[in-house]
Amino acid sequence: MMMSLAYIGGYTPDTGGSGSGIVLVDLETLERRGGAPASGPSFLALHPRLPVLYAVGESEQGTVEVFSRGESGALTSLARRSSEGSSPCHLAVNPAGTLLAVANYGDGTVSVHGIDGAGLLTGVRAFPHREGAHAHQATFGPDGVLYVTDLGTDEVRRFLVREGSPEHVAEHPGGPVRLAPGMGPRHLAWAGDHRGGQWYVAGELDGTVRAYDSGWREVAAVAASAAGGKNHPSHLEVRGDRVYVANRGPNTIGVFAGPDLARVAEVPCGGDWPRHFAVAAGHMYVANQNSGDVAVLPLKDGIPQEAGRVLATGTPSCVLPLA
């Protein structure tokens, strides 16, 4: 039963949306199984081992909330604290389950919180950035580095991570990686292992998807959509040799083949303004923010098909399957 469940996060009335908080859904039937009230839980993350979920509170005075997960998936709030910045929009737990990184979009601050044996947050270290910064996604790489896309400065900021205490996290001596001017990097994904591979990055402001080698040399750059018109790519994910990107404006999912980003397909996302998506059990679940729904797109040979089912839910911005 747990394998078919997912949590959906989104915006609530106090943060400009219409959602009720975090919603628990059965992905097989699209029936609601519960949830928990929360303020602006626009992004969610699971602890890798413990039955614990973390949620941002995307408001001017940003927060991070910790929930315990029951056997049925029911959530109970355990604690809430400051995100150390404004408008946090993404968070991630390191593979060891000892650190939580938060990207604060409003002021660009990156905060790293310690996690204890029960999944609760301990110490914290914040890394402010210069004016105009907009941290958008935090990703722990296989090389012991925390990567944070900064849409406002066209950079990927880097932090050296030693498992355990946030006090030991430090800015990378090589500084940030500078990407194409005006790109507006939003989400990124790694394909490979600690021995080598490629990074893929979605450019929200210039409508591109770009590929970089392990040394951050650009090796490919393509338009994220062939539909024409203004496009603001949002989420990007890699599955096998497929690179998927959600296109806001054209309202499509672009499918590319790595490593040279050859265009494979572009299909309707099943709604309006695809903010995020997740791939699980042979389907793609697309959170369409403006149409207020999650569309279910079956995958055939790695290509999303026409949406067969749609779940109405207020202003969704994140889909987090338990599978």
C-alpha atoms as a PDB file:
ATOM      1  CA  MET A   1       0.000   0.000   0.000  1.00  0.00           C
ATOM      2  CA  MET A   2       2.735   2.452   0.928  1.00  0.00           C
ATOM      3  CA  MET A   3       4.360   1.991  -2.479  1.00  0.00           C
ATOM      4  CA  SER A   4       1.426   3.690  -4.215  1.00  0.00           C
ATOM      5  CA  LEU A   5       1.276   6.728  -1.971  1.00  0.00           C
ATOM      6  CA  ALA A   6       2.534  10.246  -2.621  1.00  0.00           C
ATOM      7  CA  TYR A   7       2.571  13.569  -0.839  1.00  0.00           C
ATOM      8  CA  ILE A   8       1.577  16.699  -2.738  1.00  0.00           C
ATOM      9  CA  GLY A   9       2.764  20.097  -1.560  1.00  0.00           C
ATOM     10  CA  GLY A  10       1.657  23.499  -2.772  1.00  0.00           C
ATOM     11  CA  TYR A  11       0.606  27.025  -1.962  1.00  0.00           C
ATOM     12  CA  THR A  12      -2.014  27.826   0.655  1.00  0.00           C
ATOM     13  CA  PRO A  13      -4.285  30.895   0.913  1.00  0.00           C
ATOM     14  CA  ASP A  14      -1.777  32.711   3.136  1.00  0.00           C
ATOM     15  CA  THR A  15       0.934  32.218   0.473  1.00  0.00           C
ATOM     16  CA  GLY A  16      -1.097  33.125  -2.606  1.00  0.00           C
ATOM     17  CA  GLY A  17      -2.625  29.734  -3.377  1.00  0.00           C
ATOM     18  CA  SER A  18      -5.708  27.662  -2.674  1.00  0.00           C
ATOM     19  CA  GLY A  19      -4.262  24.445  -1.225  1.00  0.00           C
ATOM     20  CA  SER A  20      -4.952  23.026   2.209  1.00  0.00           C
ATOM     21  CA  GLY A  21      -1.356  22.091   3.031  1.00  0.00           C
ATOM     22  CA  ILE A  22       0.240  18.703   2.381  1.00  0.00           C
ATOM     23  CA  VAL A  23      -2.087  16.158   0.751  1.00  0.00           C
ATOM     24  CA  LEU A  24      -1.599  12.378   0.909  1.00  0.00           C
ATOM     25  CA  VAL A  25      -2.813  10.584  -2.234  1.00  0.00           C
ATOM     26  CA  ASP A  26      -3.038   6.983  -3.435  1.00  0.00           C
ATOM     27  CA  LEU A  27      -1.427   7.119  -6.863  1.00  0.00           C
ATOM     28  CA  GLU A  28      -3.266   4.026  -8.118  1.00  0.00           C
ATOM     29  CA  THR A  29      -6.761   5.328  -7.364  1.00  0.00           C
ATOM     30  CA  LEU A  30      -6.051   9.079  -6.973  1.00  0.00           C
ATOM     31  CA  GLU A  31      -8.033   8.948  -3.735  1.00  0.00           C
ATOM     32  CA  ARG A  32      -7.044  11.274  -0.924  1.00  0.00           C
ATOM     33  CA  ARG A  33      -5.760   9.424   2.118  1.00  0.00           C
ATOM     34  CA  GLY A  34      -5.281  12.395   4.408  1.00  0.00           C
ATOM     35  CA  GLY A  35      -2.627  15.023   4.839  1.00  0.00           C
ATOM     36  CA  ALA A  36      -1.574  17.770   7.201  1.00  0.00           C
ATOM     37  CA  PRO A  37      -2.149  21.507   7.441  1.00  0.00           C
ATOM     38  CA  ALA A  38       0.927  23.581   6.636  1.00  0.00           C
ATOM     39  CA  SER A  39       1.683  27.094   5.440  1.00  0.00           C
ATOM     40  CA  GLY A  40       3.002  27.226   1.874  1.00  0.00           C
ATOM     41  CA  PRO A  41       4.636  23.753   1.714  1.00  0.00           C
ATOM     42  CA  SER A  42       5.869  24.329  -1.829  1.00  0.00           C
ATOM     43  CA  PHE A  43       8.562  21.651  -1.655  1.00  0.00           C
ATOM     44  CA  LEU A  44       8.928  18.415   0.292  1.00  0.00           C
ATOM     45  CA  ALA A  45      11.705  15.918   1.017  1.00  0.00           C
ATOM     46  CA  LEU A  46      11.905  12.533   2.735  1.00  0.00           C
ATOM     47  CA  HIS A  47      14.564  11.321   5.148  1.00  0.00           C
ATOM     48  CA  PRO A  48      16.439   8.437   3.453  1.00  0.00           C
ATOM     49  CA  ARG A  49      15.898   6.005   6.351  1.00  0.00           C
ATOM     50  CA  LEU A  50      13.596   7.443   8.998  1.00  0.00           C
ATOM     51  CA  PRO A  51       9.801   7.888   8.671  1.00  0.00           C
ATOM     52  CA  VAL A  52      10.231  11.665   8.553  1.00  0.00           C
ATOM     53  CA  LEU A  53       9.202  14.308   6.013  1.00  0.00           C
ATOM     54  CA  TYR A  54      10.504  17.872   5.707  1.00  0.00           C
ATOM     55  CA  ALA A  55       8.591  20.792   4.184  1.00  0.00           C
ATOM     56  CA  VAL A  56       9.498  24.387   3.434  1.00  0.00           C
ATOM     57  CA  GLY A  57       7.123  27.182   4.366  1.00  0.00           C
ATOM     58  CA  GLU A  58       7.485  29.557   1.425  1.00  0.00           C
ATOM     59  CA  SER A  59       6.764  32.932   2.983  1.00  0.00           C
ATOM     60  CA  GLU A  60       8.710  36.120   3.637  1.00  0.00           C
ATOM     61  CA  GLN A  61       9.768  34.749   7.029  1.00  0.00           C
ATOM     62  CA  GLY A  62      10.668  31.316   5.720  1.00  0.00           C
ATOM     63  CA  THR A  63      10.292  28.153   7.766  1.00  0.00           C
ATOM     64  CA  VAL A  64      11.155  24.452   7.688  1.00  0.00           C
ATOM     65  CA  GLU A  65       8.729  21.984   9.272  1.00  0.00           C
ATOM     66  CA  VAL A  66       9.426  18.415  10.355  1.00  0.00           C
ATOM     67  CA  PHE A  67       6.711  15.730  10.228  1.00  0.00           C
ATOM     68  CA  SER A  68       6.686  12.127  11.394  1.00  0.00           C
ATOM     69  CA  ARG A  69       5.083   9.602   9.027  1.00  0.00           C
ATOM     70  CA  GLY A  70       2.801   6.902  10.365  1.00  0.00           C
ATOM     71  CA  GLU A  71       2.428   3.433   8.843  1.00  0.00           C
ATOM     72  CA  SER A  72      -0.509   4.636   6.741  1.00  0.00           C
ATOM     73  CA  GLY A  73       1.383   7.727   5.645  1.00  0.00           C
ATOM     74  CA  ALA A  74      -0.391  10.022   8.111  1.00  0.00           C
ATOM     75  CA  LEU A  75       1.665  13.083   9.085  1.00  0.00           C
ATOM     76  CA  THR A  76       2.205  14.562  12.543  1.00  0.00           C
ATOM     77  CA  SER A  77       4.037  17.849  12.943  1.00  0.00           C
ATOM     78  CA  LEU A  78       7.056  17.523  15.241  1.00  0.00           C
ATOM     79  CA  ALA A  79       8.785  20.882  14.979  1.00  0.00           C
ATOM     80  CA  ARG A  80       9.144  24.036  12.927  1.00  0.00           C
ATOM     81  CA  ARG A  81      12.012  26.494  12.711  1.00  0.00           C
ATOM     82  CA  SER A  82      13.311  29.372  10.621  1.00  0.00           C
ATOM     83  CA  SER A  83      14.761  28.580   7.209  1.00  0.00           C
ATOM     84  CA  GLU A  84      17.261  31.386   7.903  1.00  0.00           C
ATOM     85  CA  GLY A  85      16.059  33.261   4.825  1.00  0.00           C
ATOM     86  CA  SER A  86      13.020  34.399   2.875  1.00  0.00           C
ATOM     87  CA  SER A  87      10.752  32.407   0.560  1.00  0.00           C
ATOM     88  CA  PRO A  88      12.417  28.975   0.767  1.00  0.00           C
ATOM     89  CA  CYS A  89      11.441  26.989  -2.326  1.00  0.00           C
ATOM     90  CA  HIS A  90      13.516  23.802  -2.182  1.00  0.00           C
ATOM     91  CA  LEU A  91      15.183  21.493   0.313  1.00  0.00           C
ATOM     92  CA  ALA A  92      17.148  18.244   0.210  1.00  0.00           C
ATOM     93  CA  VAL A  93      18.522  15.679   2.661  1.00  0.00           C
ATOM     94  CA  ASN A  94      22.021  14.273   2.151  1.00  0.00           C
ATOM     95  CA  PRO A  95      22.326  10.500   1.556  1.00  0.00           C
ATOM     96  CA  ALA A  96      23.577   9.904   5.101  1.00  0.00           C
ATOM     97  CA  GLY A  97      20.483  11.592   6.547  1.00  0.00           C
ATOM     98  CA  THR A  98      22.562  13.933   8.701  1.00  0.00           C
ATOM     99  CA  LEU A  99      22.098  17.262   6.905  1.00  0.00           C
ATOM    100  CA  LEU A 100      19.203  19.226   5.421  1.00  0.00           C
ATOM    101  CA  ALA A 101      19.982  21.941   2.868  1.00  0.00           C
ATOM    102  CA  VAL A 102      17.459  24.701   2.133  1.00  0.00           C
ATOM    103  CA  ALA A 103      17.433  27.111  -0.821  1.00  0.00           C
ATOM    104  CA  ASN A 104      15.861  30.453   0.128  1.00  0.00           C
ATOM    105  CA  TYR A 105      14.724  32.086  -3.107  1.00  0.00           C
ATOM    106  CA  GLY A 106      13.816  35.484  -1.685  1.00  0.00           C
ATOM    107  CA  ASP A 107      17.226  36.599  -0.440  1.00  0.00           C
ATOM    108  CA  GLY A 108      19.463  33.868  -1.867  1.00  0.00           C
ATOM    109  CA  THR A 109      20.504  32.473   1.514  1.00  0.00           C
ATOM    110  CA  VAL A 110      21.491  28.805   1.640  1.00  0.00           C
ATOM    111  CA  SER A 111      21.024  27.187   5.049  1.00  0.00           C
ATOM    112  CA  VAL A 112      22.350  23.805   6.174  1.00  0.00           C
ATOM    113  CA  HIS A 113      20.693  22.188   9.196  1.00  0.00           C
ATOM    114  CA  GLY A 114      21.933  19.235  11.206  1.00  0.00           C
ATOM    115  CA  ILE A 115      19.651  16.201  11.613  1.00  0.00           C
ATOM    116  CA  ASP A 116      19.768  14.022  14.733  1.00  0.00           C
ATOM    117  CA  GLY A 117      19.014  10.318  15.120  1.00  0.00           C
ATOM    118  CA  ALA A 118      15.275  10.974  15.389  1.00  0.00           C
ATOM    119  CA  GLY A 119      15.137  13.131  12.274  1.00  0.00           C
ATOM    120  CA  LEU A 120      14.813  16.409  14.167  1.00  0.00           C
ATOM    121  CA  LEU A 121      16.848  19.473  13.236  1.00  0.00           C
ATOM    122  CA  THR A 122      19.809  20.527  15.361  1.00  0.00           C
ATOM    123  CA  GLY A 123      22.430  23.181  14.592  1.00  0.00           C
ATOM    124  CA  VAL A 124      22.302  25.377  11.508  1.00  0.00           C
ATOM    125  CA  ARG A 125      24.691  27.383   9.363  1.00  0.00           C
ATOM    126  CA  ALA A 126      23.520  30.030   6.902  1.00  0.00           C
ATOM    127  CA  PHE A 127      25.361  31.263   3.809  1.00  0.00           C
ATOM    128  CA  PRO A 128      23.989  34.626   2.598  1.00  0.00           C
ATOM    129  CA  HIS A 129      24.824  35.823  -0.910  1.00  0.00           C
ATOM    130  CA  ARG A 130      25.102  39.089  -2.725  1.00  0.00           C
ATOM    131  CA  GLU A 131      22.161  41.271  -3.726  1.00  0.00           C
ATOM    132  CA  GLY A 132      20.055  39.836  -6.536  1.00  0.00           C
ATOM    133  CA  ALA A 133      20.705  36.214  -5.596  1.00  0.00           C
ATOM    134  CA  HIS A 134      17.807  33.749  -5.832  1.00  0.00           C
ATOM    135  CA  ALA A 135      18.788  30.277  -4.635  1.00  0.00           C
ATOM    136  CA  HIS A 136      16.419  27.804  -6.285  1.00  0.00           C
ATOM    137  CA  GLN A 137      17.487  24.208  -5.735  1.00  0.00           C
ATOM    138  CA  ALA A 138      19.824  22.320  -3.413  1.00  0.00           C
ATOM    139  CA  THR A 139      21.355  19.026  -4.560  1.00  0.00           C
ATOM    140  CA  PHE A 140      23.911  16.806  -2.830  1.00  0.00           C
ATOM    141  CA  GLY A 141      26.292  15.476  -5.478  1.00  0.00           C
ATOM    142  CA  PRO A 142      28.082  12.118  -5.381  1.00  0.00           C
ATOM    143  CA  ASP A 143      31.395  13.949  -4.916  1.00  0.00           C
ATOM    144  CA  GLY A 144      30.711  15.277  -1.416  1.00  0.00           C
ATOM    145  CA  VAL A 145      29.643  18.689  -2.677  1.00  0.00           C
ATOM    146  CA  LEU A 146      26.364  20.514  -2.129  1.00  0.00           C
ATOM    147  CA  TYR A 147      25.276  22.258  -5.341  1.00  0.00           C
ATOM    148  CA  VAL A 148      22.786  25.145  -5.274  1.00  0.00           C
ATOM    149  CA  THR A 149      21.430  26.768  -8.428  1.00  0.00           C
ATOM    150  CA  ASP A 150      21.171  30.547  -8.221  1.00  0.00           C
ATOM    151  CA  LEU A 151      18.710  31.923 -10.750  1.00  0.00           C
ATOM    152  CA  GLY A 152      19.562  35.519  -9.920  1.00  0.00           C
ATOM    153  CA  THR A 153      23.321  35.322 -10.449  1.00  0.00           C
ATOM    154  CA  ASP A 154      23.530  32.656 -13.200  1.00  0.00           C
ATOM    155  CA  GLU A 155      25.672  30.472 -10.975  1.00  0.00           C
ATOM    156  CA  VAL A 156      25.796  27.084  -9.337  1.00  0.00           C
ATOM    157  CA  ARG A 157      27.080  27.691  -5.830  1.00  0.00           C
ATOM    158  CA  ARG A 158      29.187  24.931  -4.270  1.00  0.00           C
ATOM    159  CA  PHE A 159      29.747  23.869  -0.676  1.00  0.00           C
ATOM    160  CA  LEU A 160      32.047  21.167   0.667  1.00  0.00           C
ATOM    161  CA  VAL A 161      30.153  18.757   2.901  1.00  0.00           C
ATOM    162  CA  ARG A 162      31.536  16.605   5.678  1.00  0.00           C
ATOM    163  CA  GLU A 163      28.896  14.232   7.009  1.00  0.00           C
ATOM    164  CA  GLY A 164      27.442  15.303  10.323  1.00  0.00           C
ATOM    165  CA  SER A 165      27.648  18.828  11.635  1.00  0.00           C
ATOM    166  CA  PRO A 166      26.644  21.882   9.567  1.00  0.00           C
ATOM    167  CA  GLU A 167      29.530  23.724  11.224  1.00  0.00           C
ATOM    168  CA  HIS A 168      31.860  21.704   9.009  1.00  0.00           C
ATOM    169  CA  VAL A 169      30.128  22.773   5.781  1.00  0.00           C
ATOM    170  CA  ALA A 170      32.222  25.343   3.920  1.00  0.00           C
ATOM    171  CA  GLU A 171      32.066  27.249   0.665  1.00  0.00           C
ATOM    172  CA  HIS A 172      33.995  25.500  -2.091  1.00  0.00           C
ATOM    173  CA  PRO A 173      37.520  26.936  -2.500  1.00  0.00           C
ATOM    174  CA  GLY A 174      36.955  27.036  -6.260  1.00  0.00           C
ATOM    175  CA  GLY A 175      33.968  29.323  -5.807  1.00  0.00           C
ATOM    176  CA  PRO A 176      30.706  29.064  -7.738  1.00  0.00           C
ATOM    177  CA  VAL A 177      30.360  27.752 -11.262  1.00  0.00           C
ATOM    178  CA  ARG A 178      29.409  30.561 -13.644  1.00  0.00           C
ATOM    179  CA  LEU A 179      26.886  29.596 -16.318  1.00  0.00           C
ATOM    180  CA  ALA A 180      25.642  31.393 -19.433  1.00  0.00           C
ATOM    181  CA  PRO A 181      24.628  35.022 -18.733  1.00  0.00           C
ATOM    182  CA  GLY A 182      20.866  35.432 -18.571  1.00  0.00           C
ATOM    183  CA  MET A 183      20.244  31.683 -18.295  1.00  0.00           C
ATOM    184  CA  GLY A 184      18.571  31.772 -14.888  1.00  0.00           C
ATOM    185  CA  PRO A 185      19.465  28.239 -13.727  1.00  0.00           C
ATOM    186  CA  ARG A 186      16.531  26.720 -11.852  1.00  0.00           C
ATOM    187  CA  HIS A 187      16.807  22.943 -11.427  1.00  0.00           C
ATOM    188  CA  LEU A 188      19.653  20.574 -12.190  1.00  0.00           C
ATOM    189  CA  ALA A 189      20.271  16.823 -12.178  1.00  0.00           C
ATOM    190  CA  TRP A 190      23.324  14.586 -12.275  1.00  0.00           C
ATOM    191  CA  ALA A 191      23.607  11.486 -14.466  1.00  0.00           C
ATOM    192  CA  GLY A 192      26.508   9.227 -13.534  1.00  0.00           C
ATOM    193  CA  ASP A 193      28.418   8.295 -10.393  1.00  0.00           C
ATOM    194  CA  HIS A 194      31.414   9.503  -8.413  1.00  0.00           C
ATOM    195  CA  ARG A 195      33.715   8.434 -11.263  1.00  0.00           C
ATOM    196  CA  GLY A 196      32.125  10.661 -13.881  1.00  0.00           C
ATOM    197  CA  GLY A 197      29.005  11.744 -15.692  1.00  0.00           C
ATOM    198  CA  GLN A 198      27.125  14.864 -16.719  1.00  0.00           C
ATOM    199  CA  TRP A 199      25.089  17.657 -15.208  1.00  0.00           C
ATOM    200  CA  TYR A 200      21.882  18.841 -16.854  1.00  0.00           C
ATOM    201  CA  VAL A 201      20.477  22.271 -15.985  1.00  0.00           C
ATOM    202  CA  ALA A 202      17.171  23.942 -16.875  1.00  0.00           C
ATOM    203  CA  GLY A 203      17.418  27.656 -17.643  1.00  0.00           C
ATOM    204  CA  GLU A 204      14.217  29.350 -16.505  1.00  0.00           C
ATOM    205  CA  LEU A 205      15.007  32.734 -18.040  1.00  0.00           C
ATOM    206  CA  ASP A 206      16.434  31.788 -21.443  1.00  0.00           C
ATOM    207  CA  GLY A 207      14.304  28.676 -22.033  1.00  0.00           C
ATOM    208  CA  THR A 208      17.212  26.278 -22.479  1.00  0.00           C
ATOM    209  CA  VAL A 209      18.436  22.926 -21.252  1.00  0.00           C
ATOM    210  CA  ARG A 210      22.203  22.649 -21.027  1.00  0.00           C
ATOM    211  CA  ALA A 211      24.580  19.761 -20.410  1.00  0.00           C
ATOM    212  CA  TYR A 212      27.940  20.019 -18.637  1.00  0.00           C
ATOM    213  CA  ASP A 213      30.708  17.519 -18.074  1.00  0.00           C
ATOM    214  CA  SER A 214      31.984  16.704 -14.595  1.00  0.00           C
ATOM    215  CA  GLY A 215      34.317  19.708 -14.779  1.00  0.00           C
ATOM    216  CA  TRP A 216      31.376  22.019 -15.582  1.00  0.00           C
ATOM    217  CA  ARG A 217      32.363  22.598 -19.198  1.00  0.00           C
ATOM    218  CA  GLU A 218      29.270  23.123 -21.341  1.00  0.00           C
ATOM    219  CA  VAL A 219      28.888  20.312 -23.889  1.00  0.00           C
ATOM    220  CA  ALA A 220      25.357  20.911 -25.218  1.00  0.00           C
ATOM    221  CA  ALA A 221      22.667  23.601 -25.186  1.00  0.00           C
ATOM    222  CA  VAL A 222      19.196  23.292 -26.726  1.00  0.00           C
ATOM    223  CA  ALA A 223      15.822  24.991 -26.506  1.00  0.00           C
ATOM    224  CA  ALA A 224      13.730  23.251 -23.854  1.00  0.00           C
ATOM    225  CA  SER A 225      10.645  23.559 -26.084  1.00  0.00           C
ATOM    226  CA  ALA A 226      10.184  23.587 -29.845  1.00  0.00           C
ATOM    227  CA  ALA A 227       6.672  25.013 -29.534  1.00  0.00           C
ATOM    228  CA  GLY A 228       7.744  28.653 -29.837  1.00  0.00           C
ATOM    229  CA  GLY A 229       6.659  31.545 -27.638  1.00  0.00           C
ATOM    230  CA  LYS A 230       7.865  32.387 -24.154  1.00  0.00           C
ATOM    231  CA  ASN A 231       8.961  29.435 -22.068  1.00  0.00           C
ATOM    232  CA  HIS A 232      10.020  29.227 -18.420  1.00  0.00           C
ATOM    233  CA  PRO A 233      11.350  25.700 -17.807  1.00  0.00           C
ATOM    234  CA  SER A 234      10.866  24.510 -14.249  1.00  0.00           C
ATOM    235  CA  HIS A 235      11.727  21.007 -13.063  1.00  0.00           C
ATOM    236  CA  LEU A 236      14.280  18.730 -14.709  1.00  0.00           C
ATOM    237  CA  GLU A 237      14.889  15.031 -14.069  1.00  0.00           C
ATOM    238  CA  VAL A 238      17.063  12.286 -15.528  1.00  0.00           C
ATOM    239  CA  ARG A 239      15.868   8.678 -15.813  1.00  0.00           C
ATOM    240  CA  GLY A 240      18.185   6.299 -17.620  1.00  0.00           C
ATOM    241  CA  ASP A 241      19.178   7.963 -20.892  1.00  0.00           C
ATOM    242  CA  ARG A 242      16.142  10.266 -20.854  1.00  0.00           C
ATOM    243  CA  VAL A 243      16.226  13.896 -19.705  1.00  0.00           C
ATOM    244  CA  TYR A 244      12.788  15.321 -18.890  1.00  0.00           C
ATOM    245  CA  VAL A 245      12.000  19.023 -18.478  1.00  0.00           C
ATOM    246  CA  ALA A 246       8.705  20.763 -17.697  1.00  0.00           C
ATOM    247  CA  ASN A 247       7.926  23.775 -19.893  1.00  0.00           C
ATOM    248  CA  ARG A 248       5.751  26.530 -18.431  1.00  0.00           C
ATOM    249  CA  GLY A 249       4.142  28.584 -21.175  1.00  0.00           C
ATOM    250  CA  PRO A 250       3.960  25.891 -23.845  1.00  0.00           C
ATOM    251  CA  ASN A 251       2.623  23.596 -21.067  1.00  0.00           C
ATOM    252  CA  THR A 252       4.597  20.610 -22.254  1.00  0.00           C
ATOM    253  CA  ILE A 253       7.092  18.011 -21.118  1.00  0.00           C
ATOM    254  CA  GLY A 254      10.240  17.960 -23.230  1.00  0.00           C
ATOM    255  CA  VAL A 255      12.066  14.646 -23.608  1.00  0.00           C
ATOM    256  CA  PHE A 256      15.731  14.546 -24.588  1.00  0.00           C
ATOM    257  CA  ALA A 257      18.364  11.842 -24.950  1.00  0.00           C
ATOM    258  CA  GLY A 258      21.646  12.301 -23.157  1.00  0.00           C
ATOM    259  CA  PRO A 259      24.415  13.116 -23.381  1.00  0.00           C
ATOM    260  CA  ASP A 260      24.009  15.470 -26.372  1.00  0.00           C
ATOM    261  CA  LEU A 261      20.388  16.455 -25.602  1.00  0.00           C
ATOM    262  CA  ALA A 262      18.919  15.192 -28.855  1.00  0.00           C
ATOM    263  CA  ARG A 263      15.212  15.995 -28.888  1.00  0.00           C
ATOM    264  CA  VAL A 264      13.103  12.834 -28.575  1.00  0.00           C
ATOM    265  CA  ALA A 265       9.585  14.177 -27.985  1.00  0.00           C
ATOM    266  CA  GLU A 266       7.513  17.022 -26.602  1.00  0.00           C
ATOM    267  CA  VAL A 267       4.074  16.236 -25.209  1.00  0.00           C
ATOM    268  CA  PRO A 268       1.266  18.159 -23.463  1.00  0.00           C
ATOM    269  CA  CYS A 269       1.607  18.190 -19.675  1.00  0.00           C
ATOM    270  CA  GLY A 270      -2.135  17.715 -19.065  1.00  0.00           C
ATOM    271  CA  GLY A 271      -2.718  21.101 -17.438  1.00  0.00           C
ATOM    272  CA  ASP A 272      -1.495  24.676 -17.034  1.00  0.00           C
ATOM    273  CA  TRP A 273       1.945  25.760 -15.777  1.00  0.00           C
ATOM    274  CA  PRO A 274       3.767  22.489 -14.940  1.00  0.00           C
ATOM    275  CA  ARG A 275       5.689  23.443 -11.820  1.00  0.00           C
ATOM    276  CA  HIS A 276       7.067  20.012 -10.903  1.00  0.00           C
ATOM    277  CA  PHE A 277       6.768  16.347 -11.781  1.00  0.00           C
ATOM    278  CA  ALA A 278       7.776  12.943 -10.476  1.00  0.00           C
ATOM    279  CA  VAL A 279       8.306   9.613 -12.229  1.00  0.00           C
ATOM    280  CA  ALA A 280       7.106   6.477 -10.462  1.00  0.00           C
ATOM    281  CA  ALA A 281       5.693   3.053 -11.377  1.00  0.00           C
ATOM    282  CA  GLY A 282       5.682   3.681 -15.112  1.00  0.00           C
ATOM    283  CA  HIS A 283       3.921   7.048 -14.919  1.00  0.00           C
ATOM    284  CA  MET A 284       4.771  10.726 -14.756  1.00  0.00           C
ATOM    285  CA  TYR A 285       2.824  12.802 -12.228  1.00  0.00           C
ATOM    286  CA  VAL A 286       2.780  16.484 -13.194  1.00  0.00           C
ATOM    287  CA  ALA A 287       1.903  19.224 -10.697  1.00  0.00           C
ATOM    288  CA  ASN A 288       0.156  21.865 -12.809  1.00  0.00           C
ATOM    289  CA  GLN A 289       0.171  24.931 -10.603  1.00  0.00           C
ATOM    290  CA  ASN A 290      -2.247  27.259 -12.402  1.00  0.00           C
ATOM    291  CA  SER A 291      -4.886  24.685 -13.346  1.00  0.00           C
ATOM    292  CA  GLY A 292      -4.833  23.263  -9.827  1.00  0.00           C
ATOM    293  CA  ASP A 293      -4.302  19.613 -10.641  1.00  0.00           C
ATOM    294  CA  VAL A 294      -1.897  16.709 -10.873  1.00  0.00           C
ATOM    295  CA  ALA A 295      -2.020  15.008 -14.282  1.00  0.00           C
ATOM    296  CA  VAL A 296      -1.073  11.340 -14.648  1.00  0.00           C
ATOM    297  CA  LEU A 297       0.842  10.633 -17.871  1.00  0.00           C
ATOM    298  CA  PRO A 298       1.588   6.959 -18.638  1.00  0.00           C
ATOM    299  CA  LEU A 299       5.119   6.323 -19.898  1.00  0.00           C
ATOM    300  CA  LYS A 300       5.670   4.257 -23.041  1.00  0.00           C
ATOM    301  CA  ASP A 301       9.284   3.573 -24.013  1.00  0.00           C
ATOM    302  CA  GLY A 302      10.235   6.439 -21.728  1.00  0.00           C
ATOM    303  CA  ILE A 303       7.921   8.939 -23.436  1.00  0.00           C
ATOM    304  CA  PRO A 304       4.930  10.449 -21.565  1.00  0.00           C
ATOM    305  CA  GLN A 305       1.588   9.761 -23.217  1.00  0.00           C
ATOM    306  CA  GLU A 306      -1.650  11.765 -23.079  1.00  0.00           C
ATOM    307  CA  ALA A 307      -2.915  12.332 -19.536  1.00  0.00           C
ATOM    308  CA  GLY A 308      -5.418   9.623 -18.685  1.00  0.00           C
ATOM    309  CA  ARG A 309      -6.338  10.807 -15.209  1.00  0.00           C
ATOM    310  CA  VAL A 310      -6.248  14.124 -13.366  1.00  0.00           C
ATOM    311  CA  LEU A 311      -6.432  14.841  -9.638  1.00  0.00           C
ATOM    312  CA  ALA A 312      -7.867  18.238  -8.720  1.00  0.00           C
ATOM    313  CA  THR A 313      -5.872  19.802  -5.865  1.00  0.00           C
ATOM    314  CA  GLY A 314      -5.231  23.419  -4.943  1.00  0.00           C
ATOM    315  CA  THR A 315      -2.148  25.094  -6.448  1.00  0.00           C
ATOM    316  CA  PRO A 316       0.234  22.088  -6.437  1.00  0.00           C
ATOM    317  CA  SER A 317       3.967  22.675  -6.729  1.00  0.00           C
ATOM    318  CA  CYS A 318       5.564  19.384  -5.663  1.00  0.00           C
ATOM    319  CA  VAL A 319       4.798  15.672  -6.065  1.00  0.00           C
ATOM    320  CA  LEU A 320       6.725  13.308  -3.779  1.00  0.00           C
ATOM    321  CA  PRO A 321       6.017   9.563  -4.292  1.00  0.00           C
ATOM    322  CA  LEU A 322       6.978   7.129  -1.555  1.00  0.00           C
ATOM    323  CA  ALA A 323       8.025   4.509  -4.133  1.00  0.00           C
END
